[in-house]
Every structure is written in C-alpha cells, then in structure tokens.
Protein backbone atom coordinates (compact mmCIF):
# COMPACT_ATOMS: atom_id res chain seq x y z
CA MET A 1 88.60 71.66 107.39
CA ARG A 2 85.29 73.13 106.25
CA ILE A 3 85.38 76.94 106.11
CA GLN A 4 82.24 79.05 105.84
CA PHE A 5 82.30 82.72 104.82
CA VAL A 6 79.13 84.49 106.03
CA ILE A 7 78.36 88.03 104.92
CA GLY A 8 75.37 90.30 104.46
CA ASN A 9 76.23 91.18 100.86
CA LEU A 10 79.29 90.22 98.86
CA SER A 11 80.07 93.68 97.50
CA ASP A 12 82.76 94.34 94.90
CA TYR A 13 85.41 94.83 97.59
CA HIS A 14 84.87 91.37 99.06
CA VAL A 15 84.96 89.45 95.77
CA PRO A 16 88.78 89.38 95.33
CA ARG A 17 89.21 88.57 99.04
CA TYR A 18 86.86 85.61 98.83
CA ARG A 19 88.39 84.40 95.55
CA ALA A 20 91.87 84.44 97.10
CA LEU A 21 90.63 82.55 100.14
CA VAL A 22 89.05 79.84 98.00
CA GLU A 23 92.16 79.44 95.84
CA LEU A 24 94.51 79.13 98.80
CA ALA A 25 92.20 76.89 100.82
CA VAL A 26 91.70 74.48 97.94
CA ARG A 27 95.47 74.21 97.44
CA ARG A 28 95.75 73.23 101.11
CA GLY A 29 92.97 70.67 100.88
CA PHE A 30 90.23 72.67 102.63
CA GLN A 31 86.62 73.28 101.59
CA VAL A 32 85.12 76.78 101.44
CA SER A 33 81.47 77.78 101.19
CA LEU A 34 79.88 81.21 100.91
CA VAL A 35 76.65 82.29 102.60
CA GLU A 36 75.51 85.67 101.28
CA LEU A 37 72.37 86.71 103.09
CA TYR A 38 71.15 89.50 100.80
CA GLU A 39 71.40 90.00 97.06
CA GLY A 40 71.49 93.79 97.36
CA THR A 41 73.16 96.43 99.50
CA GLY A 42 72.08 99.93 100.43
CA PHE A 43 75.61 101.01 101.42
CA TYR A 44 76.94 101.75 97.93
CA ASP A 45 75.29 104.16 95.51
CA TYR A 46 76.70 102.48 92.41
CA PRO A 47 76.14 99.02 90.87
CA GLN A 48 78.24 96.18 92.29
CA SER A 49 79.26 94.79 88.90
CA ALA A 50 82.09 92.55 90.14
CA ARG A 51 79.78 90.97 92.70
CA ARG A 52 77.11 90.36 90.08
CA ALA A 53 79.57 88.76 87.65
CA PHE A 54 80.98 86.54 90.37
CA MET A 55 77.64 85.36 91.68
CA ASP A 56 76.31 84.73 88.15
CA GLY A 57 79.04 82.15 87.71
CA ALA A 58 79.37 81.11 91.34
CA PRO A 59 79.73 77.42 92.21
CA SER A 60 77.06 75.49 94.09
CA GLU A 61 78.76 76.09 97.46
CA ALA A 62 77.94 79.82 97.15
CA VAL A 63 74.38 80.66 98.13
CA THR A 64 72.35 83.87 98.44
CA VAL A 65 69.66 83.41 101.06
CA PHE A 66 67.31 86.32 100.33
CA LYS A 67 67.02 87.05 96.62
CA ASP A 68 65.88 90.55 95.59
CA ALA A 69 66.37 91.80 99.15
CA VAL A 70 68.61 94.61 100.42
CA ASP A 71 71.08 94.10 103.26
CA GLY A 72 69.36 94.44 106.64
CA ARG A 73 65.80 94.55 105.32
CA LYS A 74 64.65 91.18 106.68
CA HIS A 75 63.51 90.57 110.27
CA TRP A 76 66.36 89.31 112.40
CA MET A 77 64.41 86.26 113.51
CA LEU A 78 63.93 85.15 109.91
CA VAL A 79 67.60 85.79 109.15
CA CYS A 80 68.70 83.74 112.14
CA SER A 81 66.31 80.91 111.31
CA ARG A 82 67.54 80.58 107.72
CA LEU A 83 71.19 80.97 108.68
CA GLY A 84 70.90 78.46 111.52
CA ALA A 85 69.45 75.86 109.16
CA ILE A 86 72.38 76.34 106.77
CA VAL A 87 75.00 76.08 109.51
CA ARG A 88 73.45 72.95 110.95
CA ALA A 89 73.22 71.35 107.50
CA THR A 90 76.77 72.21 106.37
CA ARG A 91 78.51 71.69 109.74
CA PRO A 92 81.49 74.02 109.22
CA ASP A 93 84.63 73.76 111.36
CA PHE A 94 85.50 77.43 110.96
CA VAL A 95 83.20 80.39 110.27
CA ILE A 96 84.39 83.88 109.36
CA THR A 97 81.81 86.66 109.30
CA LEU A 98 81.61 90.41 108.85
CA GLY A 99 81.56 92.41 112.07
CA TYR A 100 80.34 91.57 115.56
CA HIS A 101 77.24 93.75 115.69
CA THR A 102 75.04 92.55 112.81
CA SER A 103 72.07 90.28 113.46
CA TYR A 104 73.79 87.38 111.72
CA SER A 105 77.15 87.78 113.47
CA ILE A 106 75.42 88.01 116.86
CA TYR A 107 73.41 84.89 116.09
CA LEU A 108 76.52 83.03 114.93
CA CYS A 109 78.26 83.95 118.17
CA ILE A 110 75.34 82.65 120.22
CA LEU A 111 75.22 79.48 118.11
CA ARG A 112 78.96 78.96 118.50
CA THR A 113 78.71 79.43 122.29
CA LEU A 114 75.83 77.00 122.65
CA LEU A 115 76.88 74.28 120.22
CA ARG A 116 80.69 74.57 120.41
CA ARG A 117 80.86 72.82 117.04
CA PHE A 118 82.81 75.47 115.12
CA ARG A 119 85.28 78.29 115.68
CA LEU A 120 84.11 81.82 114.89
CA VAL A 121 86.17 84.79 113.72
CA TYR A 122 84.89 88.25 112.84
CA MET A 123 86.23 90.75 110.29
CA SER A 124 86.37 94.42 111.26
CA ASP A 125 88.21 97.70 110.77
CA SER A 126 87.01 99.36 113.99
CA LYS A 127 89.62 101.07 116.17
CA ALA A 128 89.66 102.92 119.46
CA ASP A 129 89.57 106.48 118.07
CA ASP A 130 86.56 106.04 115.77
CA GLY A 131 84.66 108.86 117.39
CA ARG A 132 83.72 109.08 121.03
CA ARG A 133 83.75 105.83 123.02
CA HIS A 134 81.60 105.30 126.12
CA ARG A 135 83.05 103.26 128.97
CA ILE A 136 79.89 101.33 129.85
CA LYS A 137 79.10 100.54 126.24
CA GLU A 138 82.66 99.34 125.65
CA ALA A 139 82.50 97.13 128.75
CA LEU A 140 79.28 95.52 127.55
CA LYS A 141 80.76 95.12 124.08
CA ARG A 142 83.79 93.37 125.56
CA ILE A 143 81.58 90.80 127.31
CA PHE A 144 80.05 89.83 123.98
CA VAL A 145 83.01 90.22 121.58
CA SER A 146 85.27 88.13 123.81
CA ARG A 147 83.01 85.18 122.94
CA PHE A 148 84.42 85.19 119.42
CA ASP A 149 87.47 83.02 118.87
CA GLY A 150 89.46 85.58 116.90
CA ALA A 151 89.46 88.61 114.64
CA LEU A 152 90.74 89.54 111.18
CA VAL A 153 91.23 93.31 111.28
CA ALA A 154 92.62 96.11 109.16
CA GLY A 155 95.90 97.02 110.88
CA GLU A 156 97.89 97.02 114.08
CA LYS A 157 95.88 99.75 115.83
CA HIS A 158 92.79 97.68 115.03
CA ARG A 159 94.44 94.64 116.64
CA ARG A 160 95.00 96.68 119.78
CA TYR A 161 91.33 97.65 119.83
CA ALA A 162 90.31 94.01 119.37
CA LYS A 163 92.54 93.18 122.32
CA SER A 164 90.69 95.76 124.42
CA LEU A 165 87.49 93.88 123.53
CA GLY A 166 88.87 90.57 124.75
CA ILE A 167 90.58 89.12 121.66
CA PRO A 168 94.19 88.17 122.54
CA MET A 169 96.86 89.38 120.11
CA GLN A 170 97.76 85.79 119.19
CA ARG A 171 94.21 85.33 117.92
CA SER A 172 94.05 88.39 115.67
CA ARG A 173 95.64 89.09 112.29
CA VAL A 174 95.71 92.02 109.85
CA GLY A 175 94.65 91.97 106.21
CA PHE A 176 90.93 92.70 106.20
CA ASP A 177 91.05 96.00 104.28
CA VAL A 178 92.88 94.86 101.17
CA ILE A 179 92.03 95.41 97.51
CA ASP A 180 92.82 93.82 94.17
CA VAL A 181 96.16 95.60 93.83
CA ALA A 182 96.97 94.03 90.45
CA PHE A 183 93.71 95.29 88.94
CA PHE A 184 94.34 98.91 89.96
CA ARG A 185 98.04 98.76 89.08
CA ASP A 186 97.48 97.40 85.59
CA ALA A 187 94.44 99.57 84.83
CA ALA A 188 96.36 102.67 85.98
CA LYS A 189 99.26 101.84 83.69
CA ARG A 190 96.87 101.52 80.75
CA ALA A 191 95.26 104.86 81.65
CA ARG A 192 98.62 106.64 81.72
CA ALA A 193 99.66 104.99 78.45
CA HIS A 194 96.53 106.47 76.85
CA ALA A 195 96.35 109.60 78.96
CA GLU A 196 95.01 111.88 76.23
CA TYR A 197 92.07 109.60 75.49
CA SER A 198 91.40 109.02 79.20
CA ARG A 199 91.29 112.74 79.91
CA TYR A 200 89.00 113.31 76.94
CA ARG A 201 86.67 110.46 77.95
CA PHE A 202 86.04 111.85 81.44
CA ALA A 203 86.73 115.56 80.75
CA LEU A 204 89.65 115.56 83.19
CA PRO A 205 91.85 118.64 83.68
CA PRO A 206 95.60 118.50 82.88
CA ARG A 207 96.54 118.36 86.57
CA TYR A 208 94.45 117.76 89.67
CA VAL A 209 94.48 116.62 93.28
CA LEU A 210 91.93 113.94 94.09
CA CYS A 211 89.68 113.49 97.12
CA VAL A 212 87.47 110.39 97.13
CA SER A 213 85.05 110.62 100.02
CA ARG A 214 81.42 110.55 101.03
CA PHE A 215 79.99 114.00 101.62
CA VAL A 216 79.33 113.58 105.34
CA GLU A 217 80.57 115.64 108.27
CA ARG A 218 83.33 113.39 109.58
CA LYS A 219 85.00 113.19 106.15
CA ASN A 220 85.99 116.91 106.36
CA VAL A 221 85.58 117.59 102.64
CA PRO A 222 85.01 121.37 103.20
CA LEU A 223 88.34 121.43 105.05
CA VAL A 224 90.06 119.89 102.01
CA ILE A 225 88.58 122.65 99.84
CA GLU A 226 89.78 125.30 102.31
CA ALA A 227 93.28 123.80 102.38
CA TYR A 228 93.36 123.70 98.58
CA ALA A 229 92.47 127.39 98.50
CA ARG A 230 95.09 128.34 101.11
CA ALA A 231 97.76 126.29 99.34
CA GLY A 232 97.20 128.35 96.21
CA LEU A 233 97.12 125.30 93.98
CA ALA A 234 94.55 126.89 91.69
CA ASP A 235 97.11 129.60 90.86
CA THR A 236 99.52 126.89 89.65
CA GLY A 237 96.94 125.42 87.27
CA VAL A 238 96.09 122.44 89.48
CA SER A 239 92.44 121.58 90.06
CA LEU A 240 90.80 119.78 92.98
CA MET A 241 88.57 116.87 92.06
CA LEU A 242 86.00 115.49 94.50
CA ILE A 243 84.44 112.10 93.90
CA GLY A 244 81.57 111.36 96.23
CA ALA A 245 78.00 112.05 97.23
CA GLY A 246 76.07 112.66 100.40
CA PRO A 247 73.98 115.07 102.46
CA LEU A 248 76.64 117.81 102.52
CA GLU A 249 76.81 118.19 98.73
CA HIS A 250 74.88 121.48 98.74
CA ALA A 251 77.06 122.93 101.51
CA ILE A 252 80.19 121.82 99.66
CA ARG A 253 79.05 123.55 96.47
CA GLU A 254 78.33 126.70 98.49
CA LYS A 255 81.84 126.51 99.96
CA ILE A 256 83.33 126.29 96.47
CA ASP A 257 81.37 129.34 95.33
CA ALA A 258 82.24 131.33 98.47
CA LEU A 259 85.96 130.77 97.87
CA GLY A 260 85.70 131.72 94.19
CA LEU A 261 86.81 128.25 93.09
CA ASP A 262 83.99 127.48 90.68
CA GLY A 263 85.59 125.77 87.69
CA ARG A 264 88.64 124.79 89.71
CA VAL A 265 86.97 122.35 92.11
CA LEU A 266 85.20 119.63 90.17
CA ILE A 267 82.62 117.20 91.57
CA PHE A 268 81.89 113.73 90.22
CA THR A 269 79.08 111.95 92.02
CA GLU A 270 78.78 108.67 90.12
CA ILE A 271 81.91 106.79 89.07
CA VAL A 272 81.81 103.00 88.86
CA ASN A 273 84.64 100.98 90.42
CA ALA A 274 85.94 99.82 87.06
CA ASP A 275 86.69 103.43 86.04
CA MET A 276 88.32 104.57 89.28
CA PRO A 277 91.89 103.59 88.28
CA VAL A 278 91.76 106.26 85.55
CA PHE A 279 90.97 109.00 88.06
CA TYR A 280 93.72 107.87 90.42
CA ALA A 281 96.31 107.33 87.69
CA LEU A 282 96.02 110.80 86.19
CA SER A 283 95.93 112.67 89.51
CA ASP A 284 99.00 114.14 91.23
CA PHE A 285 98.11 112.73 94.66
CA VAL A 286 95.08 112.01 96.85
CA VAL A 287 93.88 113.58 100.09
CA LEU A 288 91.82 111.97 102.86
CA ALA A 289 91.42 114.43 105.74
CA SER A 290 88.71 112.72 107.79
CA ALA A 291 88.11 113.60 111.43
CA PHE A 292 88.30 109.82 111.77
CA ASP A 293 88.12 106.99 109.30
CA GLN A 294 88.21 103.30 110.10
CA TRP A 295 90.66 102.71 107.25
CA GLY A 296 90.34 104.51 103.88
CA LEU A 297 90.27 102.04 100.99
CA CYS A 298 90.59 104.88 98.51
CA VAL A 299 94.18 105.21 99.75
CA ASN A 300 94.88 101.55 98.92
CA GLU A 301 93.47 102.19 95.45
CA ALA A 302 95.51 105.35 94.95
CA MET A 303 98.76 103.69 96.03
CA ALA A 304 98.07 100.67 93.83
CA SER A 305 97.56 103.15 90.98
CA GLY A 306 100.97 104.65 91.69
CA ARG A 307 99.94 107.78 93.57
CA PRO A 308 100.98 109.09 97.02
CA ALA A 309 98.50 110.24 99.66
CA ILE A 310 98.03 112.81 102.37
CA VAL A 311 95.88 111.51 105.23
CA SER A 312 94.90 112.61 108.72
CA ASP A 313 96.43 110.57 111.53
CA THR A 314 93.00 109.36 112.68
CA CYS A 315 92.55 107.45 109.43
CA GLY A 316 93.14 103.74 109.96
CA CYS A 317 95.63 103.57 107.09
CA ALA A 318 97.81 106.34 108.61
CA ASN A 319 101.17 104.96 109.75
CA GLU A 320 100.11 101.55 108.42
CA LEU A 321 100.00 102.25 104.69
CA VAL A 322 100.78 105.95 104.55
CA LEU A 323 104.18 106.54 106.11
CA ASP A 324 104.91 110.21 106.79
CA GLY A 325 107.69 111.56 104.61
CA ILE A 326 108.15 108.23 102.83
CA ASN A 327 105.15 107.64 100.58
CA GLY A 328 102.98 110.57 101.60
CA TYR A 329 102.17 112.81 104.54
CA VAL A 330 100.24 112.24 107.78
CA VAL A 331 98.64 115.38 109.19
CA ARG A 332 96.62 116.33 112.25
CA PRO A 333 92.85 116.12 111.71
CA GLY A 334 91.26 119.54 111.43
CA ASP A 335 94.57 121.38 110.96
CA VAL A 336 93.86 123.18 107.71
CA ASP A 337 97.20 125.02 107.67
CA GLN A 338 99.26 121.84 108.04
CA LEU A 339 97.18 120.18 105.33
CA ALA A 340 97.64 123.19 103.04
CA ARG A 341 101.43 123.17 103.57
CA SER A 342 101.61 119.46 102.81
CA MET A 343 99.52 119.88 99.66
CA ARG A 344 101.67 122.78 98.50
CA ARG A 345 104.91 120.89 99.17
CA LEU A 346 103.78 117.84 97.24
CA ASN A 347 102.36 119.98 94.46
CA ASP A 348 105.52 122.02 93.94
CA ASP A 349 108.13 119.24 94.04
CA ASP A 350 107.95 116.88 91.05
CA ALA A 351 110.86 114.77 92.27
CA LEU A 352 109.25 114.36 95.70
CA ARG A 353 105.97 113.22 94.13
CA THR A 354 107.80 110.73 91.94
CA ARG A 355 109.71 109.30 94.91
CA PHE A 356 106.60 109.09 97.08
CA ALA A 357 104.69 107.43 94.24
CA ALA A 358 107.34 104.73 93.79
CA ASN A 359 107.39 104.09 97.53
CA ALA A 360 103.59 103.94 97.60
CA GLU A 361 103.56 101.22 94.96
CA SER A 362 106.18 99.28 96.89
CA THR A 363 104.25 99.58 100.17
CA ILE A 364 100.89 98.49 98.78
CA SER A 365 102.35 95.49 96.97
CA GLY A 366 102.02 93.40 100.14
CA TRP A 367 98.44 94.44 100.98
CA THR A 368 96.71 92.07 98.58
CA PRO A 369 93.84 89.56 98.71
CA GLN A 370 96.53 86.90 99.19
CA LEU A 371 97.40 88.52 102.54
CA PHE A 372 93.72 88.26 103.47
CA ALA A 373 93.63 84.57 102.54
CA GLU A 374 96.88 83.70 104.31
CA ASN A 375 95.78 85.32 107.52
CA VAL A 376 92.28 83.81 107.47
CA LEU A 377 93.89 80.36 107.35
CA ALA A 378 96.48 81.40 109.94
CA LEU A 379 93.61 82.37 112.24
CA ALA A 380 91.90 79.02 111.64
CA THR A 381 95.06 77.37 112.95
CA ALA A 382 95.47 79.83 115.83
CA VAL A 383 91.93 79.25 117.13
CA GLY A 384 92.14 75.48 116.77
CA ALA A 385 89.80 74.93 113.82
CA THR A 386 92.19 72.92 111.64
CA ARG A 387 92.15 69.18 111.86
C-alpha cells in the first residue's frame, strides 16, 4: 500500500506523528510519502525548529511544494494544480490530509470522488460544541464531508461529531492530538533534577500555577486571573504564570494591575517548544479555562511532564485526558468560583497534587505518536485501502 500524508505545513507537532507513521508502515511493508505544501506557517509565533531539522534531513519521498511561502498564501488554483500533478504521478492508495475545509483537502476530496483511485481520510479535532453551530451550514458541510472515506480525530466526542457529518463510527479513530510524550517526560525529569539551575535560567518563582494559552477571547485568560485572585493563591506564595500572546495582552495586563497582582502574575510571550518541559515540570499544575477549545495540547504536554490539570468541560481533552477527581478537575466554563475552589483545593493539598500527577502520567502514556500511527493504518484497513 502506498500512503500519502498531505499537509499545509509540517509544524513541530506533526513531526513525531509522521515519524511514527513511517516507522510502523515500513515495518508492515507499506510505503509512505509526505507532501508539504508550504515551507512556512503563520499560525505559530515561534520558530518550528523540529520541523526544520526533520525536513533538512528528510528522505526523497518528502517534498515541500512551495519553498519560502507561508501556509495559505498561494492561489488555490495553483495549489490544486501542483498537488494534482503529484497525486497523479505517485498514485497513492491511501491519502491522509489535514482538515476538510482547506483548499488542498477540498481538492483531494473532489479528486478522490472523480477518479476513485485512492481512499481519503481527514484529520481533525473539531467537535459539536466549538462555538455556535448553524443548522444550514452543518447540513451543507455534511454533504461534502461525507464524501471522505474516514476521519482520524482527537477523541470520542470528536468521533460523534464526525458521525454527524456523515462519517460512520467504524470509519473513524482517535489519536490525532497526540504529542511526543517521551520527549516531555524525559525533559521534565531533567528539569526537576536540576531545578535550581532551571529556575535561575528562566527566572522562575519557587511555586507557580501555569496557564499556556493564546490571549484571545475564547481562551478566558482574564477569568483565570480572577479565579487565581479569589482563590488567594498569592497569599500562599504561589504565583500565576501565563505563557502566550495575542490581541488581549494589553487588557490582561490591565486586569493584573486592577487586581493588585503585579509581580505575582508573570507573562512570558516567547518560549520555544524545546524549553516548555521546564515550565511544566516546575509548576504545581496547569489551568485551561477556555469557553471552548477543540482539544488543548498544552494539557498533553503538562501531563507528560508529570503535572495535573484543571480544564473547562468544553475543552476537547476534558473527560478524555483529564478525568475529574482522578488526574485533575473538570469545571464549568465561565464559572470563576468553581475554578477558584478547584485551584485552591489543588494548591493546598500536596498529597492530592502528587496523586493526580502520578495518575496524569499514567493516563497520557497511551496518547503517543504510536497511537496516531496505529490508528492511521487501522483506518486504511477500515476504508478498504490495503491490498
């Protein structure tokens, strides 16, 4: 079987997933090729160092179509023309692509429908409660998405949403939103073993709660600051650290000043992926209080680094990774008092944090790039691509 992985930009998050897929596929006698359409991405504000290192040493079956171009900056007709030529030349049996709404995924779906020469699966972490859904738009989306052969999604609630779009449950699998667990686990252990140096290097406080989030409205970062203030964590010597950037940064800084938390709430706007395990490892726990979030990969990273999490129940990872009262807490979105109580409880009980942290490490151990690879190949079988 010839497998083709088509993506706009192979960012750092996708590198370990693709590596795992190649390793497993080769062991099973399959061929894998990568089509990266753009060399750059405008989604991340920091350099994609893992992607660069991988592509610098990538084999001949990995190709970047538009060098020195940013994701989405080429006319869709040119993208489709170049991609179509590659697909016709390589003749894959099974294509897996990112999303169902990009120009290239739409074109692949049309090509698959017309030619019927390959099976097509999309990757997505969309779910039903990602903001307001419109009935007519969803009906039109179903007509198109049902043309795909299957879906690799983040979790079970995402499978149910894919089913509502016309993808039967037997043709969907979980495992899209996975990370390199071993990297975060091992780097976190090294950071804790050299905690004094790590704190000195990044000027970290002795104790802190961590929130990794873009500074946009739906992420509810001001609510996290309010809950931190109500929980009284500053009075116990525990800081709040925010890692992120975005249009609400000025409003967030004003919120910090208004609550008299200057010096207690710290903001880091530029941290590269390779350094993130240090910030997770030396925190007490992480908080993701989004109004909605398709998944929340920062929670995977925190758990892999041995830290529990508090998340709102509209985050995709809630009740999938974060299990209430087992390895963290799941709270109602927008309920600042419930969030404050959960933060205070986890802050005050060392034994509880230790137990949650151990359970978090155990839970995340199965959400690896190997799960991604296994379920991509399982989907290839389920949609009839193997031969």
